[in-house]
Protein backbone atom coordinates (compact mmCIF):
# COMPACT_ATOMS: atom_id res chain seq x y z
CA MET A 1 -3.47 -7.71 -14.69
CA LYS A 2 -0.36 -10.22 -14.45
CA VAL A 3 1.04 -9.93 -10.38
CA THR A 4 4.95 -9.85 -10.24
CA PRO A 5 7.42 -8.53 -7.91
CA ALA A 6 7.13 -5.04 -10.38
CA ILE A 7 3.46 -4.13 -8.28
CA LEU A 8 5.75 -3.07 -5.45
CA GLN A 9 6.78 -0.12 -8.12
CA HIS A 10 3.05 0.57 -9.12
CA GLU A 11 1.57 4.08 -8.18
CA PHE A 12 -1.04 3.50 -4.89
CA ILE A 13 -2.64 6.82 -4.86
CA GLY A 14 -6.28 6.02 -6.35
CA LEU A 15 -6.52 2.45 -5.51
CA ASN A 16 -8.23 0.98 -3.01
CA ALA A 17 -6.77 -0.35 0.55
CA LYS A 18 -7.69 -2.71 3.73
CA VAL A 19 -5.14 -2.89 6.39
CA VAL A 20 -5.19 -7.06 6.95
CA LYS A 21 -2.56 -6.65 9.72
CA SER A 22 -0.71 -4.48 12.04
CA SER A 23 0.73 -4.04 15.16
CA ASN A 24 -1.28 -1.57 16.22
CA PRO A 25 -4.72 -3.00 16.88
CA ASN A 26 -6.55 0.46 15.72
CA TYR A 27 -5.22 0.04 12.26
CA VAL A 28 -6.80 -3.17 11.59
CA GLY A 29 -9.67 -3.13 9.31
CA ILE A 30 -9.43 0.44 8.06
CA GLU A 31 -10.34 0.62 4.73
CA GLY A 32 -11.19 3.10 1.48
CA ASN A 33 -8.87 4.79 -1.23
CA VAL A 34 -5.97 5.70 -0.74
CA VAL A 35 -5.41 9.88 -0.83
CA ASN A 36 -1.84 10.30 -0.52
CA GLU A 37 1.62 8.91 0.11
CA THR A 38 4.68 9.56 2.02
CA HIS A 39 7.96 8.15 3.00
CA SER A 40 6.29 6.20 5.87
CA THR A 41 2.79 6.42 5.36
CA LEU A 42 -0.59 5.92 3.77
CA VAL A 43 -3.12 8.15 3.77
CA ILE A 44 -6.58 6.05 3.69
CA THR A 45 -9.95 7.80 3.38
CA HIS A 46 -12.15 5.14 5.71
CA LYS A 47 -16.09 6.53 6.89
CA SER A 48 -15.39 10.11 5.32
CA LYS A 49 -12.24 11.24 7.11
CA ASN A 50 -8.77 10.67 6.53
CA LYS A 51 -6.72 7.55 8.50
CA THR A 52 -3.10 7.73 8.24
CA ILE A 53 -1.12 4.45 8.43
CA MET A 54 2.71 4.10 8.80
CA LYS A 55 3.46 1.23 6.50
CA LYS A 56 6.44 -0.18 8.28
CA ILE A 57 3.83 -1.64 10.63
CA ALA A 58 0.74 -3.02 8.58
CA ILE A 59 0.28 -5.76 5.91
CA PHE A 60 -2.36 -4.02 3.49
CA HIS A 61 -4.67 -5.67 0.90
CA PHE A 62 -5.03 -3.37 -2.72
CA THR A 63 -7.40 -3.92 -5.30
CA LEU A 64 -5.96 -3.23 -8.57
CA SER A 65 -8.15 -2.24 -11.79
CA ASP A 66 -9.12 -4.90 -12.66
CA GLY A 67 -10.10 -6.51 -9.50
CA THR A 68 -7.33 -8.16 -8.50
CA VAL A 69 -6.94 -8.15 -5.21
CA VAL A 70 -2.70 -7.85 -3.97
CA GLU A 71 -1.40 -8.78 0.00
CA ILE A 72 1.56 -6.30 0.18
CA ASN A 73 3.87 -5.75 3.44
CA GLY A 74 4.18 -2.10 4.18
CA LYS A 75 8.09 -2.77 4.68
CA ALA A 76 8.44 -3.63 1.12
CA ILE A 77 6.62 -0.11 0.24
CA GLY A 78 8.85 2.10 2.42
CA GLY A 79 10.44 4.75 0.97
CA ARG A 80 9.04 8.27 -0.69
CA PRO A 81 6.78 6.74 -3.77
CA GLU A 82 8.84 9.15 -6.79
CA ASP A 83 11.95 6.92 -5.68
CA ARG A 84 10.24 3.45 -5.56
CA ILE A 85 8.81 3.93 -8.91
CA LYS A 86 12.36 4.75 -10.28
CA LYS A 87 14.59 2.21 -8.31
CA ARG A 88 15.21 -0.82 -10.55
CA LEU A 89 14.35 -4.45 -9.06
CA ARG A 90 16.79 -7.22 -8.66
CA ARG A 91 15.63 -10.56 -10.20
CA ARG A 92 16.32 -13.15 -7.25
CA TRP A 93 15.24 -16.05 -9.76
């Protein structure tokens, strides 16, 4: 898969995610499948428990279906997932 700014419109539920940086040190290192997404949180299954992570204070590594790892700032994916998927992106180049 080609990594473009359109990755922000991708569906994240079902992907493997890892929190690599956060202002909350308890979030760093949480890794697992994304099971739910809301306006401001991601729910990740980590060691058989669901962990709720605030999007705006974390940076995530998502592993796509083809094995590509993409780093995304949580601020960029803020908002309801159904609205984010429909939103058009402005090209800045």
